[in-house]
């Protein structure tokens, strides 16, 4: 078992990386700055690229059986109107590169973290959060998650888009509620990053929710 993990230095990505290594999974990561990773492990291989260069991505994907992405559109702070740190189309541009390389390498499995509130689930999120998405820089991430999902659905690969509800930093392990298509069962409002990571790796190991977008929350 060997994966390429994109977004390994982010808050959710760090959880996925730690849990994957603890589970005996070999992990390649592509990061802008190796010093931000602050981790050395015999099963970890680090590639450095400031702009997710296509050739670096290809080298990092070699011999992997899946790509897992926790990338997001980041801001300089959690304040909703904070300026964007990454380009508005960062996710969709990156997944376009990944899809082309994956096809060339015959790599079929791609799992990405998306968001509850994209596409048909927009009507299900609280009104005040829809207002924030429409009027603040939070919306840039949601719009690019949508573009990313459109690209995945148009591909022939075995993709899964995981749409977590509101993220917390609690570490306790809890049962995970999954919601697909008909919004049943109704999702809760919160899930921890550690539980998102646990679910993402479970989806990878069991090859489940193929070509599906699944909402996850804590039961």
Protein backbone atom coordinates (compact mmCIF):
# COMPACT_ATOMS: atom_id res chain seq x y z
CA UNK A 1 0.00 0.00 0.00
CA UNK A 2 1.47 3.31 -1.10
CA UNK A 3 -0.23 6.66 -1.58
CA UNK A 4 0.55 10.16 -2.72
CA UNK A 5 -0.84 12.60 -0.18
CA UNK A 6 -1.38 16.20 -1.27
CA UNK A 7 -1.91 18.79 1.45
CA UNK A 8 0.19 16.98 4.05
CA UNK A 9 1.16 20.18 5.90
CA UNK A 10 -2.44 21.33 6.39
CA UNK A 11 -4.47 20.67 9.52
CA UNK A 12 -6.40 17.74 8.05
CA UNK A 13 -3.48 16.54 5.95
CA UNK A 14 -1.28 16.15 9.02
CA UNK A 15 -3.90 13.87 10.55
CA UNK A 16 -4.07 11.73 7.40
CA UNK A 17 -0.28 11.51 7.21
CA UNK A 18 0.13 10.50 10.85
CA UNK A 19 -2.62 7.89 10.72
CA UNK A 20 -1.41 6.46 7.39
CA UNK A 21 2.13 5.97 8.68
CA UNK A 22 0.82 4.45 11.92
CA UNK A 23 -1.20 2.00 9.81
CA UNK A 24 1.87 0.87 7.86
CA UNK A 25 1.01 2.69 4.63
CA UNK A 26 3.92 4.10 2.63
CA UNK A 27 3.36 7.77 1.84
CA UNK A 28 4.76 10.15 -0.75
CA UNK A 29 4.05 13.83 -0.17
CA UNK A 30 4.58 16.95 -2.26
CA UNK A 31 5.12 20.09 -0.20
CA UNK A 32 6.19 23.65 -0.92
CA UNK A 33 8.70 23.67 1.93
CA UNK A 34 10.08 20.49 3.49
CA UNK A 35 10.84 22.31 6.75
CA UNK A 36 7.10 22.79 7.37
CA UNK A 37 6.58 19.02 7.55
CA UNK A 38 8.74 18.46 10.66
CA UNK A 39 8.54 14.69 10.31
CA UNK A 40 10.99 11.94 9.42
CA UNK A 41 9.79 8.37 8.88
CA UNK A 42 11.16 5.38 7.01
CA UNK A 43 7.89 5.01 5.06
CA UNK A 44 7.71 8.71 4.12
CA UNK A 45 9.19 10.17 0.93
CA UNK A 46 9.09 13.94 0.53
CA UNK A 47 9.06 15.81 -2.79
CA UNK A 48 9.39 19.59 -2.81
CA UNK A 49 7.69 21.87 -5.35
CA UNK A 50 6.64 25.48 -4.92
CA UNK A 51 3.86 25.28 -7.54
CA UNK A 52 3.07 21.54 -7.70
CA UNK A 53 5.14 21.15 -10.84
CA UNK A 54 3.83 18.52 -13.27
CA UNK A 55 7.13 16.59 -13.40
CA UNK A 56 7.43 16.52 -9.61
CA UNK A 57 3.85 15.29 -9.36
CA UNK A 58 4.58 12.54 -11.86
CA UNK A 59 7.65 11.38 -9.93
CA UNK A 60 5.68 11.44 -6.67
CA UNK A 61 2.84 9.38 -8.18
CA UNK A 62 5.11 6.65 -9.52
CA UNK A 63 4.35 3.25 -7.94
CA UNK A 64 1.45 4.65 -5.88
CA UNK A 65 -1.93 2.90 -5.92
CA UNK A 66 -3.91 6.02 -4.98
CA UNK A 67 -3.80 9.81 -4.68
CA UNK A 68 -5.34 11.35 -1.57
CA UNK A 69 -5.82 15.11 -1.49
CA UNK A 70 -6.68 17.28 1.50
CA UNK A 71 -5.81 20.47 -0.38
CA UNK A 72 -7.96 23.54 0.11
CA UNK A 73 -8.01 27.20 -0.84
CA UNK A 74 -6.21 28.77 2.09
CA UNK A 75 -6.47 32.28 3.53
CA UNK A 76 -3.94 34.20 5.60
CA UNK A 77 -6.16 33.71 8.65
CA UNK A 78 -9.45 32.05 9.61
CA UNK A 79 -11.23 35.41 9.33
CA UNK A 80 -13.78 34.91 6.49
CA UNK A 81 -12.69 38.06 4.63
CA UNK A 82 -8.97 37.38 4.99
CA UNK A 83 -7.05 37.52 1.69
CA UNK A 84 -6.46 34.30 -0.21
CA UNK A 85 -3.06 32.67 0.18
CA UNK A 86 -3.56 30.35 -2.82
CA UNK A 87 -4.97 31.06 -6.30
CA UNK A 88 -8.77 30.77 -6.63
CA UNK A 89 -8.47 27.79 -9.01
CA UNK A 90 -5.69 26.00 -7.10
CA UNK A 91 -7.69 22.82 -6.46
CA UNK A 92 -9.12 22.42 -9.94
CA UNK A 93 -5.81 23.25 -11.62
CA UNK A 94 -4.04 20.70 -9.45
CA UNK A 95 -6.58 17.94 -10.03
CA UNK A 96 -6.37 18.54 -13.79
CA UNK A 97 -2.64 17.77 -13.62
CA UNK A 98 -3.24 14.75 -11.40
CA UNK A 99 -5.88 13.31 -13.74
CA UNK A 100 -3.61 13.55 -16.79
CA UNK A 101 -0.66 11.97 -14.97
CA UNK A 102 -2.84 9.28 -13.39
CA UNK A 103 -4.13 8.23 -16.80
CA UNK A 104 -0.58 7.99 -18.14
CA UNK A 105 0.54 5.91 -15.15
CA UNK A 106 -2.62 3.75 -15.13
CA UNK A 107 -3.36 4.92 -11.58
CA UNK A 108 -7.11 4.61 -11.00
CA UNK A 109 -7.89 5.69 -7.42
CA UNK A 110 -8.28 9.33 -6.36
CA UNK A 111 -9.85 10.46 -3.07
CA UNK A 112 -10.30 14.15 -2.27
CA UNK A 113 -11.65 16.17 0.61
CA UNK A 114 -14.42 18.42 -0.66
CA UNK A 115 -17.05 20.17 1.49
CA UNK A 116 -20.65 19.91 2.64
CA UNK A 117 -22.38 22.80 0.90
CA UNK A 118 -21.14 22.26 -2.66
CA UNK A 119 -23.44 21.49 -5.59
CA UNK A 120 -26.76 19.91 -4.54
CA UNK A 121 -25.91 20.09 -0.81
CA UNK A 122 -25.86 23.89 -0.77
CA UNK A 123 -29.57 23.93 0.10
CA UNK A 124 -28.91 21.80 3.20
CA UNK A 125 -26.37 23.98 5.00
CA UNK A 126 -27.47 26.68 7.48
CA UNK A 127 -28.65 29.97 5.97
CA UNK A 128 -25.99 32.02 7.78
CA UNK A 129 -23.24 29.86 6.27
CA UNK A 130 -24.63 30.21 2.75
CA UNK A 131 -24.53 33.99 3.38
CA UNK A 132 -20.83 33.75 4.31
CA UNK A 133 -20.03 31.62 1.26
CA UNK A 134 -21.68 34.19 -1.02
CA UNK A 135 -20.15 37.28 0.59
CA UNK A 136 -16.73 36.37 1.96
CA UNK A 137 -13.53 34.70 0.80
CA UNK A 138 -14.73 31.40 2.27
CA UNK A 139 -16.68 31.07 -0.99
CA UNK A 140 -13.52 30.72 -3.10
CA UNK A 141 -12.85 27.29 -1.62
CA UNK A 142 -16.42 26.09 -2.13
CA UNK A 143 -16.46 27.22 -5.76
CA UNK A 144 -13.19 25.47 -6.48
CA UNK A 145 -14.28 22.30 -4.68
CA UNK A 146 -17.23 22.31 -7.09
CA UNK A 147 -14.94 22.68 -10.11
CA UNK A 148 -12.75 19.89 -8.78
CA UNK A 149 -15.71 17.54 -8.39
CA UNK A 150 -16.90 18.31 -11.93
CA UNK A 151 -13.48 17.32 -13.29
CA UNK A 152 -13.47 14.10 -11.28
CA UNK A 153 -16.97 13.14 -12.44
CA UNK A 154 -15.95 13.69 -16.07
CA UNK A 155 -12.95 11.38 -15.68
CA UNK A 156 -12.91 7.60 -15.99
CA UNK A 157 -11.07 7.13 -12.70
CA UNK A 158 -12.29 5.59 -9.45
CA UNK A 159 -12.77 8.83 -7.53
CA UNK A 160 -14.39 9.61 -4.21
CA UNK A 161 -15.24 13.10 -2.97
CA UNK A 162 -15.56 13.28 0.82
CA UNK A 163 -17.70 16.20 2.00
CA UNK A 164 -17.15 16.79 5.72
CA UNK A 165 -19.45 19.07 7.70
CA UNK A 166 -17.97 21.70 10.05
CA UNK A 167 -14.44 20.72 11.14
CA UNK A 168 -13.17 20.63 14.71
CA UNK A 169 -9.77 19.79 16.19
CA UNK A 170 -10.97 17.26 18.80
CA UNK A 171 -8.98 14.02 18.85
CA UNK A 172 -11.58 11.59 20.21
CA UNK A 173 -12.71 8.77 17.92
CA UNK A 174 -16.45 8.78 17.22
CA UNK A 175 -18.87 6.89 14.98
CA UNK A 176 -19.13 8.46 11.53
CA UNK A 177 -22.47 9.05 9.83
CA UNK A 178 -22.40 8.85 6.02
CA UNK A 179 -24.97 10.55 3.81
CA UNK A 180 -25.19 9.94 0.07
CA UNK A 181 -27.57 11.25 -2.62
CA UNK A 182 -30.93 11.57 -0.85
CA UNK A 183 -29.62 13.43 2.23
CA UNK A 184 -30.56 10.50 4.48
CA UNK A 185 -29.67 10.12 7.23
CA UNK A 186 -29.50 13.86 7.82
CA UNK A 187 -25.89 14.80 8.63
CA UNK A 188 -24.83 16.37 11.90
CA UNK A 189 -23.09 19.72 11.98
CA UNK A 190 -19.59 18.78 13.20
CA UNK A 191 -16.79 16.28 12.65
CA UNK A 192 -13.20 16.27 13.87
CA UNK A 193 -10.26 16.39 11.49
CA UNK A 194 -8.94 13.17 13.04
CA UNK A 195 -12.21 11.39 12.22
CA UNK A 196 -12.15 12.80 8.67
CA UNK A 197 -8.65 11.37 8.28
CA UNK A 198 -9.75 8.01 9.69
CA UNK A 199 -12.67 7.87 7.26
CA UNK A 200 -10.51 8.87 4.29
CA UNK A 201 -8.05 6.07 4.97
CA UNK A 202 -10.91 3.60 5.49
CA UNK A 203 -12.31 4.55 2.07
CA UNK A 204 -8.84 3.99 0.60
CA UNK A 205 -8.34 0.60 2.25
CA UNK A 206 -11.83 -0.74 1.48
CA UNK A 207 -12.14 0.82 -1.99
CA UNK A 208 -15.60 2.07 -1.01
CA UNK A 209 -17.80 4.95 -2.22
CA UNK A 210 -16.29 4.68 -5.71
CA UNK A 211 -17.48 7.44 -8.05
CA UNK A 212 -19.56 8.93 -5.25
CA UNK A 213 -19.63 12.11 -3.20
CA UNK A 214 -20.31 11.30 0.44
CA UNK A 215 -21.15 13.69 3.30
CA UNK A 216 -19.62 12.71 6.62
CA UNK A 217 -20.47 13.86 10.13
CA UNK A 218 -20.21 12.48 13.63
CA UNK A 219 -23.12 10.27 14.67
